[in-house]
C-alpha atoms as a PDB file:
ATOM      1  CA  MET A   1      37.508  25.062  14.604  1.00  0.00           C
ATOM      2  CA  SER A   2      34.682  26.038  12.259  1.00  0.00           C
ATOM      3  CA  HIS A   3      36.283  24.020   9.219  1.00  0.00           C
ATOM      4  CA  THR A   4      36.440  20.679  12.106  1.00  0.00           C
ATOM      5  CA  VAL A   5      32.662  21.260  13.067  1.00  0.00           C
ATOM      6  CA  GLY A   6      32.068  21.374   9.077  1.00  0.00           C
ATOM      7  CA  ILE A   7      33.898  18.193   8.574  1.00  0.00           C
ATOM      8  CA  ARG A   8      31.628  16.162  11.077  1.00  0.00           C
ATOM      9  CA  GLN A   9      28.974  18.319   9.984  1.00  0.00           C
ATOM     10  CA  VAL A  10      29.325  16.407   6.045  1.00  0.00           C
ATOM     11  CA  GLN A  11      30.147  12.996   7.531  1.00  0.00           C
ATOM     12  CA  LYS A  12      27.079  12.927   9.892  1.00  0.00           C
ATOM     13  CA  GLN A  13      24.869  13.570   6.927  1.00  0.00           C
ATOM     14  CA  LYS A  14      26.468  11.135   4.827  1.00  0.00           C
ATOM     15  CA  THR A  15      26.055   8.348   7.504  1.00  0.00           C
ATOM     16  CA  ARG A  16      22.220  10.090   7.630  1.00  0.00           C
ATOM     17  CA  GLN A  17      21.825   9.514   3.748  1.00  0.00           C
ATOM     18  CA  ALA A  18      23.844   5.741   4.128  1.00  0.00           C
ATOM     19  CA  LEU A  19      21.127   4.653   6.676  1.00  0.00           C
ATOM     20  CA  LEU A  20      18.235   6.130   4.417  1.00  0.00           C
ATOM     21  CA  ASP A  21      19.400   3.951   1.012  1.00  0.00           C
ATOM     22  CA  ALA A  22      20.589   0.945   3.270  1.00  0.00           C
ATOM     23  CA  ALA A  23      16.767   1.066   4.728  1.00  0.00           C
ATOM     24  CA  LEU A  24      15.562   1.933   1.214  1.00  0.00           C
ATOM     25  CA  ALA A  25      17.427  -1.232  -0.766  1.00  0.00           C
ATOM     26  CA  LEU A  26      16.012  -3.396   2.493  1.00  0.00           C
ATOM     27  CA  LEU A  27      12.589  -2.120   2.210  1.00  0.00           C
ATOM     28  CA  GLU A  28      12.162  -3.813  -1.449  1.00  0.00           C
ATOM     29  CA  GLU A  29      12.045  -7.234  -0.044  1.00  0.00           C
ATOM     30  CA  GLN A  30      10.291  -6.667   3.367  1.00  0.00           C
ATOM     31  CA  SER A  31       7.411  -4.013   5.199  1.00  0.00           C
ATOM     32  CA  LEU A  32       9.057  -1.013   7.291  1.00  0.00           C
ATOM     33  CA  SER A  33       7.341  -2.458  10.627  1.00  0.00           C
ATOM     34  CA  SER A  34       9.154  -6.111   9.879  1.00  0.00           C
ATOM     35  CA  LEU A  35      12.654  -3.946   9.604  1.00  0.00           C
ATOM     36  CA  GLY A  36      15.270  -3.928  12.329  1.00  0.00           C
ATOM     37  CA  LEU A  37      17.405  -1.255  13.095  1.00  0.00           C
ATOM     38  CA  ARG A  38      20.607  -3.475  13.284  1.00  0.00           C
ATOM     39  CA  GLU A  39      19.894  -4.798   9.864  1.00  0.00           C
ATOM     40  CA  VAL A  40      20.436  -1.230   8.526  1.00  0.00           C
ATOM     41  CA  THR A  41      23.350  -0.172  10.532  1.00  0.00           C
ATOM     42  CA  ARG A  42      25.237  -3.762   9.662  1.00  0.00           C
ATOM     43  CA  ALA A  43      24.446  -2.501   5.891  1.00  0.00           C
ATOM     44  CA  VAL A  44      26.208   0.732   6.381  1.00  0.00           C
ATOM     45  CA  GLY A  45      29.044  -1.046   8.700  1.00  0.00           C
ATOM     46  CA  VAL A  46      28.415   1.704  11.667  1.00  0.00           C
ATOM     47  CA  ALA A  47      27.238   0.276  15.033  1.00  0.00           C
ATOM     48  CA  PRO A  48      23.633   0.185  16.371  1.00  0.00           C
ATOM     49  CA  THR A  49      24.726   2.923  18.384  1.00  0.00           C
ATOM     50  CA  ALA A  50      25.387   4.908  15.761  1.00  0.00           C
ATOM     51  CA  PHE A  51      21.919   4.908  14.745  1.00  0.00           C
ATOM     52  CA  TYR A  52      20.061   7.107  17.372  1.00  0.00           C
ATOM     53  CA  ARG A  53      22.599   9.500  16.597  1.00  0.00           C
ATOM     54  CA  HIS A  54      20.294  10.406  13.513  1.00  0.00           C
ATOM     55  CA  PHE A  55      17.126   8.832  13.787  1.00  0.00           C
ATOM     56  CA  ARG A  56      15.007   7.897  17.436  1.00  0.00           C
ATOM     57  CA  SER A  57      13.287   4.672  16.150  1.00  0.00           C
ATOM     58  CA  THR A  58      12.965   2.795  12.246  1.00  0.00           C
ATOM     59  CA  ALA A  59       9.159   4.270  12.436  1.00  0.00           C
ATOM     60  CA  ASP A  60      11.451   7.926  12.345  1.00  0.00           C
ATOM     61  CA  LEU A  61      13.478   6.685   9.800  1.00  0.00           C
ATOM     62  CA  GLY A  62      10.551   5.691   7.722  1.00  0.00           C
ATOM     63  CA  VAL A  63       9.257   9.198   7.723  1.00  0.00           C
ATOM     64  CA  ALA A  64      12.109  10.892   6.773  1.00  0.00           C
ATOM     65  CA  LEU A  65      12.116   7.919   3.624  1.00  0.00           C
ATOM     66  CA  VAL A  66       8.735   9.937   2.700  1.00  0.00           C
ATOM     67  CA  ASP A  67       9.666  13.111   3.115  1.00  0.00           C
ATOM     68  CA  GLU A  68      12.719  12.253   0.889  1.00  0.00           C
ATOM     69  CA  ALA A  69      10.300  10.018  -1.652  1.00  0.00           C
ATOM     70  CA  LEU A  70       7.249  12.969  -1.730  1.00  0.00           C
ATOM     71  CA  GLY A  71       9.060  16.161  -0.678  1.00  0.00           C
ATOM     72  CA  SER A  72      10.939  17.409  -3.187  1.00  0.00           C
ATOM     73  CA  LEU A  73       7.665  16.561  -5.608  1.00  0.00           C
ATOM     74  CA  HIS A  74       5.779  19.731  -4.344  1.00  0.00           C
ATOM     75  CA  ARG A  75       7.351  22.477  -6.181  1.00  0.00           C
ATOM     76  CA  MET A  76       7.443  19.511 -10.041  1.00  0.00           C
ATOM     77  CA  VAL A  77       3.288  19.209  -9.294  1.00  0.00           C
ATOM     78  CA  ARG A  78       2.544  22.921  -8.646  1.00  0.00           C
ATOM     79  CA  SER A  79       4.869  23.835 -12.132  1.00  0.00           C
ATOM     80  CA  THR A  80       2.768  20.932 -13.772  1.00  0.00           C
ATOM     81  CA  VAL A  81      -0.617  22.238 -13.070  1.00  0.00           C
ATOM     82  CA  ASN A  82      -0.394  26.127 -13.530  1.00  0.00           C
ATOM     83  CA  THR A  83       2.228  26.300 -16.371  1.00  0.00           C
ATOM     84  CA  ALA A  84      -0.456  24.933 -18.201  1.00  0.00           C
ATOM     85  CA  ASP A  85      -2.507  26.613 -20.868  1.00  0.00           C
ATOM     86  CA  SER A  86      -5.293  23.416 -21.197  1.00  0.00           C
ATOM     87  CA  SER A  87      -6.905  20.969 -19.508  1.00  0.00           C
ATOM     88  CA  ASP A  88      -5.993  17.919 -21.573  1.00  0.00           C
ATOM     89  CA  GLU A  89      -1.909  19.392 -21.787  1.00  0.00           C
ATOM     90  CA  ARG A  90      -2.348  19.363 -17.940  1.00  0.00           C
ATOM     91  CA  ILE A  91      -3.536  16.016 -17.871  1.00  0.00           C
ATOM     92  CA  HIS A  92      -0.234  15.031 -20.883  1.00  0.00           C
ATOM     93  CA  ARG A  93       2.466  17.015 -18.400  1.00  0.00           C
ATOM     94  CA  ALA A  94       0.886  15.001 -15.413  1.00  0.00           C
ATOM     95  CA  VAL A  95       0.955  11.833 -16.611  1.00  0.00           C
ATOM     96  CA  GLU A  96       4.848  12.450 -17.982  1.00  0.00           C
ATOM     97  CA  LEU A  97       5.664  13.595 -15.015  1.00  0.00           C
ATOM     98  CA  ILE A  98       4.506   9.826 -12.939  1.00  0.00           C
ATOM     99  CA  ALA A  99       6.367   8.343 -15.224  1.00  0.00           C
ATOM    100  CA  ARG A 100       9.759   9.528 -15.009  1.00  0.00           C
ATOM    101  CA  HIS A 101       9.333   9.926 -11.300  1.00  0.00           C
ATOM    102  CA  VAL A 102       9.067   6.276 -11.896  1.00  0.00           C
ATOM    103  CA  ASP A 103      11.873   5.727 -13.849  1.00  0.00           C
ATOM    104  CA  ALA A 104      14.191   7.569 -11.555  1.00  0.00           C
ATOM    105  CA  TYR A 105      13.194   6.660  -8.164  1.00  0.00           C
ATOM    106  CA  PRO A 106      11.500   3.459  -8.272  1.00  0.00           C
ATOM    107  CA  ALA A 107      11.982   2.475  -4.826  1.00  0.00           C
ATOM    108  CA  HIS A 108      11.018   5.443  -3.427  1.00  0.00           C
ATOM    109  CA  VAL A 109       7.696   4.633  -5.258  1.00  0.00           C
ATOM    110  CA  ARG A 110       7.314   1.335  -4.232  1.00  0.00           C
ATOM    111  CA  PHE A 111       7.815   2.431  -0.453  1.00  0.00           C
ATOM    112  CA  ILE A 112       4.824   4.700  -0.280  1.00  0.00           C
ATOM    113  CA  ALA A 113       2.535   1.799  -2.251  1.00  0.00           C
ATOM    114  CA  ARG A 114       3.628  -0.263   0.229  1.00  0.00           C
ATOM    115  CA  GLU A 115       3.324   1.827   3.242  1.00  0.00           C
ATOM    116  CA  ARG A 116       0.957   3.645   3.099  1.00  0.00           C
ATOM    117  CA  HIS A 117      -1.562   1.037   4.029  1.00  0.00           C
ATOM    118  CA  GLY A 118       1.699  -0.223   6.394  1.00  0.00           C
ATOM    119  CA  GLY A 119       1.779  -1.410  10.295  1.00  0.00           C
ATOM    120  CA  VAL A 120       3.627   1.592  11.165  1.00  0.00           C
ATOM    121  CA  GLN A 121       1.150   4.558  12.014  1.00  0.00           C
ATOM    122  CA  SER A 122       3.707   7.966  11.996  1.00  0.00           C
ATOM    123  CA  VAL A 123       4.614   6.826   8.507  1.00  0.00           C
ATOM    124  CA  ARG A 124       1.085   6.194   7.196  1.00  0.00           C
ATOM    125  CA  GLU A 125       0.049   9.555   8.546  1.00  0.00           C
ATOM    126  CA  ALA A 126       3.330  11.253   7.002  1.00  0.00           C
ATOM    127  CA  ILE A 127       2.260   9.678   3.298  1.00  0.00           C
ATOM    128  CA  ARG A 128      -1.921  11.115   4.231  1.00  0.00           C
ATOM    129  CA  GLY A 129      -0.268  14.638   5.303  1.00  0.00           C
ATOM    130  CA  GLN A 130       1.837  14.874   1.899  1.00  0.00           C
ATOM    131  CA  LEU A 131      -0.638  13.762  -0.158  1.00  0.00           C
ATOM    132  CA  GLY A 132      -3.040  16.044   1.733  1.00  0.00           C
ATOM    133  CA  ARG A 133      -0.332  18.997   0.925  1.00  0.00           C
ATOM    134  CA  PHE A 134       0.095  17.919  -2.878  1.00  0.00           C
ATOM    135  CA  ALA A 135      -4.163  17.312  -3.112  1.00  0.00           C
ATOM    136  CA  GLU A 136      -3.891  21.267  -1.641  1.00  0.00           C
ATOM    137  CA  GLU A 137      -2.145  22.559  -3.941  1.00  0.00           C
ATOM    138  CA  VAL A 138      -3.707  21.274  -6.825  1.00  0.00           C
ATOM    139  CA  ARG A 139      -6.804  22.890  -5.414  1.00  0.00           C
ATOM    140  CA  ALA A 140      -5.529  26.312  -4.988  1.00  0.00           C
ATOM    141  CA  GLU A 141      -4.023  26.171  -8.722  1.00  0.00           C
ATOM    142  CA  LEU A 142      -7.642  24.813  -9.919  1.00  0.00           C
ATOM    143  CA  ALA A 143      -9.444  27.519  -8.084  1.00  0.00           C
ATOM    144  CA  LYS A 144      -8.050  30.326 -10.388  1.00  0.00           C
ATOM    145  CA  ASP A 145      -9.545  28.302 -13.697  1.00  0.00           C
ATOM    146  CA  PRO A 146     -12.695  29.714 -15.196  1.00  0.00           C
ATOM    147  CA  GLU A 147     -14.597  26.475 -14.727  1.00  0.00           C
ATOM    148  CA  ALA A 148     -14.260  26.711 -10.978  1.00  0.00           C
ATOM    149  CA  ARG A 149     -16.269  29.902 -10.611  1.00  0.00           C
ATOM    150  CA  GLY A 150     -19.425  29.051  -8.373  1.00  0.00           C
ATOM    151  CA  TRP A 151     -17.427  25.353  -6.574  1.00  0.00           C
ATOM    152  CA  SER A 152     -17.319  25.475  -3.054  1.00  0.00           C
ATOM    153  CA  GLU A 153     -13.437  24.550  -1.582  1.00  0.00           C
ATOM    154  CA  ASP A 154     -14.616  21.469  -0.290  1.00  0.00           C
ATOM    155  CA  ASP A 155     -15.756  20.738  -3.714  1.00  0.00           C
ATOM    156  CA  LEU A 156     -12.533  22.136  -5.351  1.00  0.00           C
ATOM    157  CA  LEU A 157     -10.652  19.871  -2.414  1.00  0.00           C
ATOM    158  CA  MET A 158     -12.269  17.081  -3.168  1.00  0.00           C
ATOM    159  CA  LEU A 159     -11.895  17.248  -7.265  1.00  0.00           C
ATOM    160  CA  SER A 160      -8.019  17.555  -6.051  1.00  0.00           C
ATOM    161  CA  HIS A 161      -7.893  14.836  -4.285  1.00  0.00           C
ATOM    162  CA  LEU A 162      -9.264  12.372  -7.378  1.00  0.00           C
ATOM    163  CA  TYR A 163      -7.021  13.848  -9.903  1.00  0.00           C
ATOM    164  CA  VAL A 164      -4.368  12.958  -6.251  1.00  0.00           C
ATOM    165  CA  ASP A 165      -5.356   9.664  -6.417  1.00  0.00           C
ATOM    166  CA  GLN A 166      -5.338   8.987  -9.707  1.00  0.00           C
ATOM    167  CA  MET A 167      -1.918  10.213  -9.935  1.00  0.00           C
ATOM    168  CA  LEU A 168      -1.396   7.238  -7.184  1.00  0.00           C
ATOM    169  CA  ALA A 169      -2.472   4.717  -9.012  1.00  0.00           C
ATOM    170  CA  THR A 170      -0.958   5.578 -12.489  1.00  0.00           C
ATOM    171  CA  ALA A 171       2.465   5.367 -10.682  1.00  0.00           C
ATOM    172  CA  SER A 172       1.561   2.163  -8.997  1.00  0.00           C
ATOM    173  CA  LEU A 173       0.963   0.943 -12.600  1.00  0.00           C
ATOM    174  CA  PHE A 174       3.950   2.286 -13.819  1.00  0.00           C
ATOM    175  CA  LEU A 175       5.935   1.024 -11.547  1.00  0.00           C
ATOM    176  CA  GLU A 176       4.443  -2.432 -12.554  1.00  0.00           C
ATOM    177  CA  ALA A 177       5.767  -1.881 -16.124  1.00  0.00           C
ATOM    178  CA  LEU A 178       9.327  -1.596 -15.647  1.00  0.00           C
ATOM    179  CA  ASP A 179       9.522  -5.488 -15.807  1.00  0.00           C
ATOM    180  CA  GLY A 180       6.538  -6.025 -18.532  1.00  0.00           C
ATOM    181  CA  PRO A 181       6.316  -6.445 -21.762  1.00  0.00           C
ATOM    182  CA  GLU A 182       7.088  -4.155 -24.103  1.00  0.00           C
ATOM    183  CA  GLY A 183       4.132  -1.393 -25.006  1.00  0.00           C
ATOM    184  CA  GLU A 184       2.925  -1.856 -22.044  1.00  0.00           C
ATOM    185  CA  ARG A 185       3.932   1.949 -20.718  1.00  0.00           C
ATOM    186  CA  GLU A 186       2.084   2.796 -23.420  1.00  0.00           C
ATOM    187  CA  ARG A 187      -1.078   1.293 -22.669  1.00  0.00           C
ATOM    188  CA  ILE A 188      -0.853   2.954 -19.057  1.00  0.00           C
ATOM    189  CA  THR A 189       0.190   6.428 -20.542  1.00  0.00           C
ATOM    190  CA  ARG A 190      -3.226   5.979 -22.357  1.00  0.00           C
ATOM    191  CA  LEU A 191      -5.046   4.518 -19.722  1.00  0.00           C
ATOM    192  CA  ALA A 192      -3.979   7.243 -17.609  1.00  0.00           C
ATOM    193  CA  THR A 193      -4.490  10.083 -19.853  1.00  0.00           C
ATOM    194  CA  ARG A 194      -8.497   8.507 -20.679  1.00  0.00           C
ATOM    195  CA  GLN A 195      -9.413   8.818 -16.651  1.00  0.00           C
ATOM    196  CA  MET A 196      -7.826  12.058 -16.321  1.00  0.00           C
ATOM    197  CA  ARG A 197     -10.010  13.466 -19.004  1.00  0.00           C
ATOM    198  CA  LEU A 198     -12.626  11.603 -17.923  1.00  0.00           C
ATOM    199  CA  ILE A 199     -12.236  13.800 -14.221  1.00  0.00           C
ATOM    200  CA  SER A 200     -12.359  16.389 -16.211  1.00  0.00           C
ATOM    201  CA  LYS A 201     -15.500  16.686 -18.154  1.00  0.00           C
ATOM    202  CA  GLY A 202     -17.173  15.133 -15.078  1.00  0.00           C
ATOM    203  CA  ARG A 203     -16.282  18.314 -13.487  1.00  0.00           C
ATOM    204  CA  ARG A 204     -17.651  20.443 -16.410  1.00  0.00           C
ATOM    205  CA  HIS A 205     -21.251  19.156 -15.562  1.00  0.00           C
ATOM    206  CA  TRP A 206     -20.765  19.563 -11.340  1.00  0.00           C
ATOM    207  CA  LEU A 207     -23.181  22.457 -10.976  1.00  0.00           C
ATOM    208  CA  ASP A 208     -25.437  21.643 -13.594  1.00  0.00           C
END
């Protein structure tokens, strides 16, 4: 009996992932607010009723896509921030991390970029929540720096949000560069590095 239950669970997980993958592919050409569940189930080859065994709605599926797109990044962002020996190394690693993530998951990055200000409230809130977690994690690491002495928690969080927003903007630029001219990626790397350094320099003089 337990073996049968295990097989069913594996099949259920496969169907759920297939629905997520199909939705992500369809969202390359449209927004989540215009996506119909019948489109998704047709792409997977299951009955529309099967959709509701996994998600309450397309909005619920969108929230799951947000978690899939951003959830695994938290550990990598923390590692990037807390293992660097200097601000410049931290920035270099952050830009490298963004570039690699865009290369590996362009559809996920495109989905986040589009739906961050899209028409589905629960998905906007899910993205905002994930970005808030990133900012809190960056804040916790920045607070360990000697340069953070004298900073208030609110100011450190404000600084962290600046870094997170810059990382998002950089991801969008790398996304556009995937089909761009030769040398565009290097230009974006230099630009993103300079922009983050500018934030860092401002940090050093914030308390003056």
